[in-house]
Amino acid sequence: MLEQISGAAANLFGTKGFESVTMELIAAEADVSKRTLYKHFQSKDAVLAYILEAELARDMATFELKLKKESTFRGSVSALLEQSAAWCETHPDYLLPFIRHKFATFDPAAERLNRGDIVQTWIRLIAQGQRIGELNNRLPTEQLAIYFHYLYFGALMRWITNRDLKLKNEFDIIVALFIEGAKA
């Protein structure tokens, strides 16, 4: 059912634009009742989050396969952020509703359990950086990952509010800031 609804919503978001789509349109496109739709998703922002998180999980799996054991944090995270910037720049209308939904539904306990979240990728990349001596290994990996995640969101928010900026440049700044502040 979730795939049926999210597939229909993705279709609508792609053809009509996110702002033009209503929950009623999603229910009709998915051929489900509004009651069924609301049973699974509270809002179209929640449907979008489901779609984007599934896409992120697929992309992260592909990215993880490309990583080399000897990769540095800087090299790996820069490659990932370059892909993220390219995706964000082609889907700018999705970012604000996605981030709004993430903040509105934030639950720290649930976040720790979400193994498909990008924070888990930050944890793996930071742990690798700590293993090879690039990053300070006296600081908890998960704490550093959360800090980096907030830097990531900060760069996204700065770019969303000022489209004259280049997102890749914003990401380069946070990587440099993080490494200079966390290096061994």
C-alpha atoms as a PDB file:
ATOM      1  CA  MET A   1       0.000   0.000   0.000  1.00  0.00           C
ATOM      2  CA  LEU A   2       2.818   2.429   0.893  1.00  0.00           C
ATOM      3  CA  GLU A   3       4.504   1.803  -2.443  1.00  0.00           C
ATOM      4  CA  GLN A   4       1.238   2.270  -4.332  1.00  0.00           C
ATOM      5  CA  ILE A   5       0.579   5.593  -2.609  1.00  0.00           C
ATOM      6  CA  SER A   6       4.146   6.874  -2.816  1.00  0.00           C
ATOM      7  CA  GLY A   7       4.423   5.873  -6.479  1.00  0.00           C
ATOM      8  CA  ALA A   8       1.246   7.762  -7.320  1.00  0.00           C
ATOM      9  CA  ALA A   9       2.409  10.789  -5.325  1.00  0.00           C
ATOM     10  CA  ALA A  10       5.839  10.775  -6.970  1.00  0.00           C
ATOM     11  CA  ASN A  11       4.113  10.750 -10.343  1.00  0.00           C
ATOM     12  CA  LEU A  12       1.963  13.721  -9.373  1.00  0.00           C
ATOM     13  CA  PHE A  13       4.838  15.673  -7.808  1.00  0.00           C
ATOM     14  CA  GLY A  14       6.843  15.176 -10.996  1.00  0.00           C
ATOM     15  CA  THR A  15       4.087  16.241 -13.373  1.00  0.00           C
ATOM     16  CA  LYS A  16       2.170  18.889 -11.410  1.00  0.00           C
ATOM     17  CA  GLY A  17       4.803  20.148  -8.998  1.00  0.00           C
ATOM     18  CA  PHE A  18       4.780  19.586  -5.256  1.00  0.00           C
ATOM     19  CA  GLU A  19       2.820  22.715  -4.321  1.00  0.00           C
ATOM     20  CA  SER A  20      -0.040  21.939  -6.736  1.00  0.00           C
ATOM     21  CA  VAL A  21      -0.659  18.427  -5.433  1.00  0.00           C
ATOM     22  CA  THR A  22      -3.228  17.818  -2.711  1.00  0.00           C
ATOM     23  CA  MET A  23      -3.892  14.789  -0.561  1.00  0.00           C
ATOM     24  CA  GLU A  24      -7.148  14.355  -2.494  1.00  0.00           C
ATOM     25  CA  LEU A  25      -5.227  14.154  -5.784  1.00  0.00           C
ATOM     26  CA  ILE A  26      -2.826  11.620  -4.283  1.00  0.00           C
ATOM     27  CA  ALA A  27      -5.716   9.449  -3.046  1.00  0.00           C
ATOM     28  CA  ALA A  28      -7.383   9.564  -6.464  1.00  0.00           C
ATOM     29  CA  GLU A  29      -4.146   8.800  -8.340  1.00  0.00           C
ATOM     30  CA  ALA A  30      -3.345   5.914  -5.974  1.00  0.00           C
ATOM     31  CA  ASP A  31      -6.931   4.651  -6.206  1.00  0.00           C
ATOM     32  CA  VAL A  32      -7.368   4.612  -2.433  1.00  0.00           C
ATOM     33  CA  SER A  33      -9.788   6.371  -0.135  1.00  0.00           C
ATOM     34  CA  LYS A  34      -8.693   9.534   1.644  1.00  0.00           C
ATOM     35  CA  ARG A  35      -9.144   7.624   4.894  1.00  0.00           C
ATOM     36  CA  THR A  36      -6.652   4.988   3.742  1.00  0.00           C
ATOM     37  CA  LEU A  37      -4.231   7.660   2.612  1.00  0.00           C
ATOM     38  CA  TYR A  38      -4.407   9.489   5.953  1.00  0.00           C
ATOM     39  CA  LYS A  39      -4.014   6.195   7.802  1.00  0.00           C
ATOM     40  CA  HIS A  40      -0.528   5.899   6.289  1.00  0.00           C
ATOM     41  CA  PHE A  41       0.492   9.554   5.827  1.00  0.00           C
ATOM     42  CA  GLN A  42      -0.509  12.631   7.841  1.00  0.00           C
ATOM     43  CA  SER A  43       0.305  15.063   5.040  1.00  0.00           C
ATOM     44  CA  LYS A  44       1.753  15.346   1.573  1.00  0.00           C
ATOM     45  CA  ASP A  45       5.008  16.405   3.275  1.00  0.00           C
ATOM     46  CA  ALA A  46       5.031  12.989   4.955  1.00  0.00           C
ATOM     47  CA  VAL A  47       4.465  11.275   1.594  1.00  0.00           C
ATOM     48  CA  LEU A  48       7.330  13.281   0.113  1.00  0.00           C
ATOM     49  CA  ALA A  49       9.582  12.364   3.047  1.00  0.00           C
ATOM     50  CA  TYR A  50       8.782   8.682   2.515  1.00  0.00           C
ATOM     51  CA  ILE A  51       9.662   8.966  -1.185  1.00  0.00           C
ATOM     52  CA  LEU A  52      12.885  10.888  -0.579  1.00  0.00           C
ATOM     53  CA  GLU A  53      14.033   8.612   2.246  1.00  0.00           C
ATOM     54  CA  ALA A  54      13.521   5.548   0.044  1.00  0.00           C
ATOM     55  CA  GLU A  55      15.472   7.244  -2.748  1.00  0.00           C
ATOM     56  CA  LEU A  56      18.198   8.226  -0.274  1.00  0.00           C
ATOM     57  CA  ALA A  57      18.461   4.652   1.008  1.00  0.00           C
ATOM     58  CA  ARG A  58      18.899   3.352  -2.568  1.00  0.00           C
ATOM     59  CA  ASP A  59      21.482   6.023  -3.349  1.00  0.00           C
ATOM     60  CA  MET A  60      23.374   5.356  -0.104  1.00  0.00           C
ATOM     61  CA  ALA A  61      23.555   1.627  -0.891  1.00  0.00           C
ATOM     62  CA  THR A  62      25.061   2.417  -4.280  1.00  0.00           C
ATOM     63  CA  PHE A  63      27.475   4.931  -2.772  1.00  0.00           C
ATOM     64  CA  GLU A  64      28.581   2.503  -0.045  1.00  0.00           C
ATOM     65  CA  LEU A  65      29.529  -0.052  -2.690  1.00  0.00           C
ATOM     66  CA  LYS A  66      31.857   2.483  -4.316  1.00  0.00           C
ATOM     67  CA  LEU A  67      33.733   3.340  -1.111  1.00  0.00           C
ATOM     68  CA  LYS A  68      37.212   1.980  -0.660  1.00  0.00           C
ATOM     69  CA  LYS A  69      38.437   0.851   2.745  1.00  0.00           C
ATOM     70  CA  GLU A  70      41.397   3.235   2.560  1.00  0.00           C
ATOM     71  CA  SER A  71      39.315   6.267   1.557  1.00  0.00           C
ATOM     72  CA  THR A  72      39.716   9.432   3.593  1.00  0.00           C
ATOM     73  CA  PHE A  73      36.777  11.147   5.244  1.00  0.00           C
ATOM     74  CA  ARG A  74      37.403  14.274   3.165  1.00  0.00           C
ATOM     75  CA  GLY A  75      37.476  12.374  -0.131  1.00  0.00           C
ATOM     76  CA  SER A  76      34.488  10.179   0.603  1.00  0.00           C
ATOM     77  CA  VAL A  77      32.256  12.839   2.120  1.00  0.00           C
ATOM     78  CA  SER A  78      33.152  15.336  -0.612  1.00  0.00           C
ATOM     79  CA  ALA A  79      32.146  12.816  -3.292  1.00  0.00           C
ATOM     80  CA  LEU A  80      28.872  12.110  -1.494  1.00  0.00           C
ATOM     81  CA  LEU A  81      28.118  15.808  -0.989  1.00  0.00           C
ATOM     82  CA  GLU A  82      28.841  16.507  -4.647  1.00  0.00           C
ATOM     83  CA  GLN A  83      26.157  13.949  -5.561  1.00  0.00           C
ATOM     84  CA  SER A  84      23.833  15.450  -2.957  1.00  0.00           C
ATOM     85  CA  ALA A  85      24.341  18.967  -4.334  1.00  0.00           C
ATOM     86  CA  ALA A  86      23.589  17.791  -7.873  1.00  0.00           C
ATOM     87  CA  TRP A  87      20.375  16.095  -6.698  1.00  0.00           C
ATOM     88  CA  CYS A  88      19.285  19.069  -4.571  1.00  0.00           C
ATOM     89  CA  GLU A  89      19.876  21.523  -7.380  1.00  0.00           C
ATOM     90  CA  THR A  90      17.559  19.518  -9.646  1.00  0.00           C
ATOM     91  CA  HIS A  91      14.858  19.125  -6.931  1.00  0.00           C
ATOM     92  CA  PRO A  92      14.857  22.448  -5.041  1.00  0.00           C
ATOM     93  CA  ASP A  93      11.076  22.476  -4.543  1.00  0.00           C
ATOM     94  CA  TYR A  94      11.235  19.248  -2.529  1.00  0.00           C
ATOM     95  CA  LEU A  95      13.813  20.363   0.018  1.00  0.00           C
ATOM     96  CA  LEU A  96      11.874  22.879   2.085  1.00  0.00           C
ATOM     97  CA  PRO A  97       8.795  20.642   2.593  1.00  0.00           C
ATOM     98  CA  PHE A  98      11.099  17.694   3.370  1.00  0.00           C
ATOM     99  CA  ILE A  99      13.106  19.634   5.936  1.00  0.00           C
ATOM    100  CA  ARG A 100       9.931  21.155   7.392  1.00  0.00           C
ATOM    101  CA  HIS A 101       8.522  17.644   7.840  1.00  0.00           C
ATOM    102  CA  LYS A 102      11.760  16.326   9.380  1.00  0.00           C
ATOM    103  CA  PHE A 103      11.829  19.119  11.957  1.00  0.00           C
ATOM    104  CA  ALA A 104       8.092  18.896  12.702  1.00  0.00           C
ATOM    105  CA  THR A 105       8.275  15.153  13.349  1.00  0.00           C
ATOM    106  CA  PHE A 106      11.706  15.028  14.980  1.00  0.00           C
ATOM    107  CA  ASP A 107      12.028  12.217  17.521  1.00  0.00           C
ATOM    108  CA  PRO A 108      15.595  11.635  18.735  1.00  0.00           C
ATOM    109  CA  ALA A 109      14.852   8.056  19.828  1.00  0.00           C
ATOM    110  CA  ALA A 110      13.418   7.146  16.419  1.00  0.00           C
ATOM    111  CA  GLU A 111      16.295   8.870  14.625  1.00  0.00           C
ATOM    112  CA  ARG A 112      18.838   6.626  16.357  1.00  0.00           C
ATOM    113  CA  LEU A 113      16.996   3.547  15.139  1.00  0.00           C
ATOM    114  CA  ASN A 114      16.702   4.660  11.509  1.00  0.00           C
ATOM    115  CA  ARG A 115      19.537   2.675   9.937  1.00  0.00           C
ATOM    116  CA  GLY A 116      18.827   4.020   6.443  1.00  0.00           C
ATOM    117  CA  ASP A 117      19.316   7.626   7.517  1.00  0.00           C
ATOM    118  CA  ILE A 118      22.224   9.612   6.111  1.00  0.00           C
ATOM    119  CA  VAL A 119      23.543  10.013   9.676  1.00  0.00           C
ATOM    120  CA  GLN A 120      24.492   6.332   9.520  1.00  0.00           C
ATOM    121  CA  THR A 121      26.625   7.105   6.469  1.00  0.00           C
ATOM    122  CA  TRP A 122      28.274  10.014   8.299  1.00  0.00           C
ATOM    123  CA  ILE A 123      29.032   7.600  11.164  1.00  0.00           C
ATOM    124  CA  ARG A 124      30.721   5.118   8.815  1.00  0.00           C
ATOM    125  CA  LEU A 125      32.733   7.826   7.042  1.00  0.00           C
ATOM    126  CA  ILE A 126      33.817   9.482  10.294  1.00  0.00           C
ATOM    127  CA  ALA A 127      34.769   6.109  11.809  1.00  0.00           C
ATOM    128  CA  GLN A 128      36.966   5.471   8.771  1.00  0.00           C
ATOM    129  CA  GLY A 129      38.549   8.909   9.174  1.00  0.00           C
ATOM    130  CA  GLN A 130      39.214   8.122  12.822  1.00  0.00           C
ATOM    131  CA  ARG A 131      40.735   4.700  11.974  1.00  0.00           C
ATOM    132  CA  ILE A 132      43.233   6.217   9.548  1.00  0.00           C
ATOM    133  CA  GLY A 133      44.112   9.136  11.852  1.00  0.00           C
ATOM    134  CA  GLU A 134      42.462  11.858   9.791  1.00  0.00           C
ATOM    135  CA  LEU A 135      39.901  12.688  12.502  1.00  0.00           C
ATOM    136  CA  ASN A 136      40.190  12.790  16.277  1.00  0.00           C
ATOM    137  CA  ASN A 137      39.411   9.339  17.678  1.00  0.00           C
ATOM    138  CA  ARG A 138      38.962  10.557  21.262  1.00  0.00           C
ATOM    139  CA  LEU A 139      35.602  12.074  20.344  1.00  0.00           C
ATOM    140  CA  PRO A 140      32.599   9.735  20.011  1.00  0.00           C
ATOM    141  CA  THR A 141      31.924   8.896  16.359  1.00  0.00           C
ATOM    142  CA  GLU A 142      28.163   9.256  16.723  1.00  0.00           C
ATOM    143  CA  GLN A 143      28.512  12.682  18.357  1.00  0.00           C
ATOM    144  CA  LEU A 144      30.709  13.869  15.488  1.00  0.00           C
ATOM    145  CA  ALA A 145      28.185  12.463  12.982  1.00  0.00           C
ATOM    146  CA  ILE A 146      25.355  14.441  14.576  1.00  0.00           C
ATOM    147  CA  TYR A 147      27.482  17.609  14.506  1.00  0.00           C
ATOM    148  CA  PHE A 148      28.305  17.023  10.859  1.00  0.00           C
ATOM    149  CA  HIS A 149      24.643  16.370  10.097  1.00  0.00           C
ATOM    150  CA  TYR A 150      23.698  19.753  11.582  1.00  0.00           C
ATOM    151  CA  LEU A 151      26.394  21.408   9.467  1.00  0.00           C
ATOM    152  CA  TYR A 152      24.896  19.626   6.431  1.00  0.00           C
ATOM    153  CA  PHE A 153      21.403  20.913   7.253  1.00  0.00           C
ATOM    154  CA  GLY A 154      22.842  24.376   7.898  1.00  0.00           C
ATOM    155  CA  ALA A 155      24.407  24.447   4.434  1.00  0.00           C
ATOM    156  CA  LEU A 156      21.133  23.254   2.882  1.00  0.00           C
ATOM    157  CA  MET A 157      19.112  25.887   4.721  1.00  0.00           C
ATOM    158  CA  ARG A 158      21.555  28.631   3.727  1.00  0.00           C
ATOM    159  CA  TRP A 159      21.285  27.553   0.080  1.00  0.00           C
ATOM    160  CA  ILE A 160      17.472  27.251   0.194  1.00  0.00           C
ATOM    161  CA  THR A 161      17.219  30.823   1.455  1.00  0.00           C
ATOM    162  CA  ASN A 162      19.816  32.209  -0.980  1.00  0.00           C
ATOM    163  CA  ARG A 163      19.753  30.490  -4.373  1.00  0.00           C
ATOM    164  CA  ASP A 164      22.569  32.718  -5.637  1.00  0.00           C
ATOM    165  CA  LEU A 165      24.910  30.481  -3.644  1.00  0.00           C
ATOM    166  CA  LYS A 166      26.404  27.304  -5.086  1.00  0.00           C
ATOM    167  CA  LEU A 167      25.425  24.365  -2.899  1.00  0.00           C
ATOM    168  CA  LYS A 168      28.632  22.492  -3.687  1.00  0.00           C
ATOM    169  CA  ASN A 169      30.624  25.464  -2.365  1.00  0.00           C
ATOM    170  CA  GLU A 170      28.511  25.503   0.809  1.00  0.00           C
ATOM    171  CA  PHE A 171      29.214  21.802   1.289  1.00  0.00           C
ATOM    172  CA  ASP A 172      32.944  22.347   0.695  1.00  0.00           C
ATOM    173  CA  ILE A 173      32.893  24.969   3.461  1.00  0.00           C
ATOM    174  CA  ILE A 174      31.250  22.642   5.993  1.00  0.00           C
ATOM    175  CA  VAL A 175      33.698  19.827   5.190  1.00  0.00           C
ATOM    176  CA  ALA A 176      36.651  22.156   5.748  1.00  0.00           C
ATOM    177  CA  LEU A 177      35.070  23.555   8.933  1.00  0.00           C
ATOM    178  CA  PHE A 178      34.383  20.088  10.279  1.00  0.00           C
ATOM    179  CA  ILE A 179      37.817  18.639   9.500  1.00  0.00           C
ATOM    180  CA  GLU A 180      39.726  21.628  10.824  1.00  0.00           C
ATOM    181  CA  GLY A 181      37.663  21.460  14.018  1.00  0.00           C
ATOM    182  CA  ALA A 182      37.770  17.686  14.442  1.00  0.00           C
ATOM    183  CA  LYS A 183      41.123  16.600  13.046  1.00  0.00           C
ATOM    184  CA  ALA A 184      43.540  14.672  15.164  1.00  0.00           C
END
